[in-house]
């Protein structure tokens, strides 16, 4: 039984859907996707082996993004400025 106040809000203690519960459409869609995936499980390995090499690489590239973190590109300029001396080293050599 749904209990609401005069503003149309749920009354205290009658919060509606429990926290974390899926709505009916989400649950139905999830069940359909699970069914399709179960059908594909039987032929997936064979289907992947029948892909052309380029298609397998594209599939690998797409799927690996879901399990490996993406690396950021960085450009570093490691050449020292030509007009600036950064370090001078002296060596003391004893003569005989």
N, C-alpha and C. Protein backbone atom coordinates (compact mmCIF):
# COMPACT_ATOMS: atom_id res chain seq x y z
N UNK A 1 0.84 -1.18 0.00
CA UNK A 1 0.00 0.00 0.00
C UNK A 1 0.89 1.24 0.00
N UNK A 2 0.64 2.13 -0.92
CA UNK A 2 1.41 3.36 -1.05
C UNK A 2 0.74 4.45 -0.24
N UNK A 3 1.49 5.04 0.68
CA UNK A 3 0.95 6.10 1.53
C UNK A 3 1.67 7.40 1.17
N UNK A 4 0.86 8.39 0.72
CA UNK A 4 1.43 9.69 0.35
C UNK A 4 0.73 10.80 1.13
N UNK A 5 1.44 11.90 1.31
CA UNK A 5 0.85 13.06 2.01
C UNK A 5 0.11 13.94 1.01
N UNK A 6 -0.37 15.09 1.47
CA UNK A 6 -1.16 15.97 0.61
C UNK A 6 -0.35 16.57 -0.55
N UNK A 7 0.97 16.58 -0.46
CA UNK A 7 1.83 17.11 -1.53
C UNK A 7 2.20 16.04 -2.55
N UNK A 8 1.72 14.82 -2.33
CA UNK A 8 2.04 13.74 -3.25
C UNK A 8 3.34 13.04 -2.94
N UNK A 9 3.96 13.37 -1.80
CA UNK A 9 5.22 12.75 -1.40
C UNK A 9 4.92 11.52 -0.55
N UNK A 10 5.88 10.59 -0.54
CA UNK A 10 5.71 9.41 0.32
C UNK A 10 5.69 9.85 1.78
N UNK A 11 4.80 9.23 2.54
CA UNK A 11 4.72 9.52 3.96
C UNK A 11 5.92 8.91 4.67
N UNK A 12 6.24 9.45 5.81
CA UNK A 12 7.39 8.98 6.58
C UNK A 12 7.25 7.48 6.87
N UNK A 13 8.31 6.74 6.59
CA UNK A 13 8.29 5.29 6.81
C UNK A 13 7.78 4.51 5.61
N UNK A 14 7.31 5.21 4.57
CA UNK A 14 6.81 4.56 3.35
C UNK A 14 7.60 5.15 2.18
N UNK A 15 8.84 4.76 2.07
CA UNK A 15 9.75 5.38 1.10
C UNK A 15 9.63 4.90 -0.32
N UNK A 16 8.69 4.02 -0.62
CA UNK A 16 8.57 3.56 -2.00
C UNK A 16 9.49 2.40 -2.28
N UNK A 17 10.18 2.45 -3.41
CA UNK A 17 11.06 1.37 -3.85
C UNK A 17 12.26 1.28 -2.91
N UNK A 18 12.63 0.07 -2.49
CA UNK A 18 13.80 -0.08 -1.62
C UNK A 18 15.09 0.37 -2.32
N UNK A 19 16.02 0.84 -1.56
CA UNK A 19 17.30 1.32 -2.09
C UNK A 19 18.00 0.19 -2.84
N UNK A 20 18.43 0.48 -4.06
CA UNK A 20 19.16 -0.51 -4.86
C UNK A 20 18.28 -1.43 -5.68
N UNK A 21 16.96 -1.36 -5.51
CA UNK A 21 16.05 -2.22 -6.27
C UNK A 21 15.96 -1.71 -7.71
N UNK A 22 15.93 -2.64 -8.66
CA UNK A 22 15.83 -2.27 -10.07
C UNK A 22 14.38 -2.05 -10.44
N UNK A 23 14.13 -1.11 -11.35
CA UNK A 23 12.76 -0.95 -11.83
C UNK A 23 12.45 -2.06 -12.83
N UNK A 24 11.19 -2.21 -13.20
CA UNK A 24 10.76 -3.35 -14.02
C UNK A 24 11.42 -3.35 -15.40
N UNK A 25 11.55 -2.17 -16.04
CA UNK A 25 12.17 -2.11 -17.36
C UNK A 25 13.65 -2.50 -17.29
N UNK A 26 14.35 -1.99 -16.30
CA UNK A 26 15.77 -2.31 -16.16
C UNK A 26 15.95 -3.80 -15.95
N UNK A 27 15.12 -4.40 -15.12
CA UNK A 27 15.21 -5.83 -14.85
C UNK A 27 14.92 -6.63 -16.10
N UNK A 28 13.88 -6.24 -16.86
CA UNK A 28 13.53 -6.95 -18.09
C UNK A 28 14.65 -6.84 -19.12
N UNK A 29 15.22 -5.65 -19.28
CA UNK A 29 16.32 -5.47 -20.23
C UNK A 29 17.54 -6.28 -19.83
N UNK A 30 17.84 -6.31 -18.54
CA UNK A 30 18.98 -7.08 -18.06
C UNK A 30 18.78 -8.57 -18.35
N UNK A 31 17.56 -9.07 -18.15
CA UNK A 31 17.28 -10.48 -18.43
C UNK A 31 17.41 -10.78 -19.91
N UNK A 32 16.96 -9.88 -20.79
CA UNK A 32 17.10 -10.08 -22.25
C UNK A 32 18.56 -10.12 -22.65
N UNK A 33 19.35 -9.20 -22.11
CA UNK A 33 20.78 -9.17 -22.44
C UNK A 33 21.47 -10.43 -21.97
N UNK A 34 21.15 -10.89 -20.77
CA UNK A 34 21.73 -12.15 -20.25
C UNK A 34 21.37 -13.31 -21.16
N UNK A 35 20.14 -13.35 -21.67
CA UNK A 35 19.71 -14.43 -22.56
C UNK A 35 20.52 -14.41 -23.86
N UNK A 36 20.66 -13.22 -24.46
CA UNK A 36 21.42 -13.09 -25.71
C UNK A 36 22.87 -13.51 -25.49
N UNK A 37 23.46 -13.06 -24.38
CA UNK A 37 24.85 -13.43 -24.07
C UNK A 37 24.99 -14.94 -23.91
N UNK A 38 24.01 -15.58 -23.29
CA UNK A 38 24.09 -17.04 -23.11
C UNK A 38 24.04 -17.75 -24.46
N UNK A 39 23.29 -17.21 -25.42
CA UNK A 39 23.25 -17.79 -26.76
C UNK A 39 24.60 -17.63 -27.47
N UNK A 40 25.24 -16.49 -27.27
CA UNK A 40 26.51 -16.20 -27.93
C UNK A 40 27.68 -16.96 -27.31
N UNK A 41 27.56 -17.34 -26.05
CA UNK A 41 28.64 -18.05 -25.37
C UNK A 41 29.09 -19.30 -26.11
N UNK A 42 28.14 -20.02 -26.70
CA UNK A 42 28.45 -21.29 -27.35
C UNK A 42 29.32 -21.14 -28.59
N UNK A 43 29.19 -20.03 -29.31
CA UNK A 43 29.90 -19.87 -30.58
C UNK A 43 30.94 -18.76 -30.56
N UNK A 44 31.10 -18.11 -29.43
CA UNK A 44 31.95 -16.93 -29.37
C UNK A 44 33.40 -17.22 -29.77
N UNK A 45 33.99 -18.26 -29.21
CA UNK A 45 35.40 -18.56 -29.51
C UNK A 45 35.58 -18.86 -31.00
N UNK A 46 34.68 -19.64 -31.55
CA UNK A 46 34.76 -19.97 -32.98
C UNK A 46 34.59 -18.72 -33.83
N UNK A 47 33.65 -17.87 -33.45
CA UNK A 47 33.42 -16.63 -34.20
C UNK A 47 34.65 -15.73 -34.17
N UNK A 48 35.30 -15.63 -33.03
CA UNK A 48 36.50 -14.80 -32.93
C UNK A 48 37.62 -15.36 -33.81
N UNK A 49 37.77 -16.67 -33.81
CA UNK A 49 38.82 -17.30 -34.63
C UNK A 49 38.54 -17.12 -36.13
N UNK A 50 37.29 -16.93 -36.51
CA UNK A 50 36.95 -16.73 -37.92
C UNK A 50 37.09 -15.28 -38.37
N UNK A 51 37.37 -14.39 -37.45
CA UNK A 51 37.59 -12.98 -37.81
C UNK A 51 38.91 -12.85 -38.56
N UNK A 52 38.98 -11.84 -39.41
CA UNK A 52 40.24 -11.52 -40.07
C UNK A 52 41.18 -10.92 -39.03
N UNK A 53 42.47 -10.95 -39.30
CA UNK A 53 43.46 -10.47 -38.35
C UNK A 53 43.18 -9.02 -37.93
N UNK A 54 42.85 -8.18 -38.89
CA UNK A 54 42.58 -6.77 -38.59
C UNK A 54 41.37 -6.64 -37.65
N UNK A 55 40.34 -7.43 -37.89
CA UNK A 55 39.15 -7.39 -37.05
C UNK A 55 39.44 -7.86 -35.63
N UNK A 56 40.32 -8.88 -35.49
CA UNK A 56 40.69 -9.37 -34.15
C UNK A 56 41.46 -8.30 -33.39
N UNK A 57 42.35 -7.58 -34.08
CA UNK A 57 43.10 -6.50 -33.43
C UNK A 57 42.16 -5.39 -32.99
N UNK A 58 41.19 -5.05 -33.84
CA UNK A 58 40.22 -4.02 -33.47
C UNK A 58 39.39 -4.46 -32.27
N UNK A 59 38.99 -5.72 -32.23
CA UNK A 59 38.24 -6.26 -31.10
C UNK A 59 39.08 -6.20 -29.83
N UNK A 60 40.33 -6.62 -29.93
CA UNK A 60 41.24 -6.58 -28.77
C UNK A 60 41.38 -5.15 -28.27
N UNK A 61 41.57 -4.22 -29.19
CA UNK A 61 41.76 -2.82 -28.83
C UNK A 61 40.52 -2.27 -28.11
N UNK A 62 39.36 -2.63 -28.59
CA UNK A 62 38.12 -2.17 -27.97
C UNK A 62 37.93 -2.77 -26.59
N UNK A 63 38.15 -4.07 -26.46
CA UNK A 63 37.88 -4.75 -25.19
C UNK A 63 38.91 -4.42 -24.11
N UNK A 64 40.17 -4.23 -24.49
CA UNK A 64 41.19 -3.99 -23.47
C UNK A 64 40.97 -2.68 -22.74
N UNK A 65 40.24 -1.75 -23.34
CA UNK A 65 39.96 -0.48 -22.66
C UNK A 65 39.10 -0.67 -21.42
N UNK A 66 38.37 -1.79 -21.35
CA UNK A 66 37.50 -2.04 -20.21
C UNK A 66 38.26 -2.61 -19.01
N UNK A 67 39.47 -3.13 -19.23
CA UNK A 67 40.19 -3.76 -18.12
C UNK A 67 41.52 -3.11 -17.80
N UNK A 68 42.02 -2.25 -18.69
CA UNK A 68 43.30 -1.59 -18.44
C UNK A 68 43.09 -0.09 -18.37
N UNK A 69 43.80 0.57 -17.47
CA UNK A 69 43.65 2.04 -17.40
C UNK A 69 44.26 2.70 -18.63
N UNK A 70 43.64 3.78 -19.04
CA UNK A 70 44.19 4.54 -20.17
C UNK A 70 45.36 5.36 -19.70
N UNK A 71 46.40 5.40 -20.48
CA UNK A 71 47.58 6.20 -20.16
C UNK A 71 47.44 7.57 -20.81
N UNK A 72 47.85 8.58 -20.08
CA UNK A 72 47.83 9.92 -20.63
C UNK A 72 49.11 10.18 -21.41
N UNK A 73 48.98 10.93 -22.47
CA UNK A 73 50.17 11.30 -23.24
C UNK A 73 50.83 12.49 -22.57
N UNK A 74 52.15 12.45 -22.56
CA UNK A 74 52.90 13.56 -21.99
C UNK A 74 54.01 13.94 -22.97
N UNK A 75 54.19 15.22 -23.14
CA UNK A 75 55.29 15.72 -23.95
C UNK A 75 56.31 16.36 -23.02
N UNK A 76 57.50 15.82 -23.02
CA UNK A 76 58.56 16.37 -22.19
C UNK A 76 59.67 16.92 -23.07
N UNK A 77 60.11 18.11 -22.77
CA UNK A 77 61.24 18.69 -23.46
C UNK A 77 62.44 18.55 -22.54
N UNK A 78 63.32 17.60 -22.84
CA UNK A 78 64.45 17.33 -21.95
C UNK A 78 65.74 17.99 -22.43
N UNK A 79 65.65 18.79 -23.46
CA UNK A 79 66.85 19.49 -23.93
C UNK A 79 67.09 20.70 -23.04
N UNK A 80 68.32 20.86 -22.53
CA UNK A 80 68.60 22.01 -21.67
C UNK A 80 68.66 23.29 -22.50
N UNK A 81 68.30 24.40 -21.88
CA UNK A 81 68.43 25.67 -22.59
C UNK A 81 69.91 25.92 -22.92
N UNK A 82 70.16 26.43 -24.10
CA UNK A 82 71.55 26.59 -24.57
C UNK A 82 72.29 27.70 -23.84
N UNK A 83 71.61 28.69 -23.34
CA UNK A 83 72.28 29.84 -22.73
C UNK A 83 72.40 29.72 -21.21
N UNK A 84 72.08 28.57 -20.65
CA UNK A 84 72.10 28.44 -19.20
C UNK A 84 73.01 27.28 -18.79
N UNK A 85 73.97 27.55 -17.88
CA UNK A 85 74.84 26.53 -17.35
C UNK A 85 74.18 25.97 -16.11
N UNK A 86 73.98 24.66 -16.07
CA UNK A 86 73.28 24.08 -14.93
C UNK A 86 74.21 23.46 -13.90
N UNK A 87 75.41 23.00 -14.35
CA UNK A 87 76.31 22.37 -13.40
C UNK A 87 77.73 22.38 -13.96
N UNK A 88 78.70 22.69 -13.09
CA UNK A 88 80.11 22.63 -13.46
C UNK A 88 80.78 21.69 -12.47
N UNK A 89 81.55 20.73 -12.96
CA UNK A 89 82.21 19.75 -12.11
C UNK A 89 83.72 19.88 -12.28
N UNK A 90 84.47 19.85 -11.13
CA UNK A 90 85.93 19.88 -11.16
C UNK A 90 86.45 18.55 -10.62
N UNK A 91 87.57 18.13 -11.17
CA UNK A 91 88.21 16.91 -10.68
C UNK A 91 89.64 17.25 -10.28
N UNK A 92 90.03 16.86 -9.06
CA UNK A 92 91.37 17.13 -8.58
C UNK A 92 92.20 15.89 -8.85
N UNK A 93 93.34 16.08 -9.56
CA UNK A 93 94.22 14.97 -9.90
C UNK A 93 95.58 15.26 -9.27
N UNK A 94 96.11 14.31 -8.47
CA UNK A 94 97.43 14.47 -7.86
C UNK A 94 98.48 14.01 -8.85
N UNK A 95 99.54 14.82 -8.98
CA UNK A 95 100.64 14.45 -9.87
C UNK A 95 101.77 13.78 -9.11
N UNK A 96 102.59 12.92 -9.74
CA UNK A 96 103.72 12.24 -9.10
C UNK A 96 104.96 13.04 -9.18
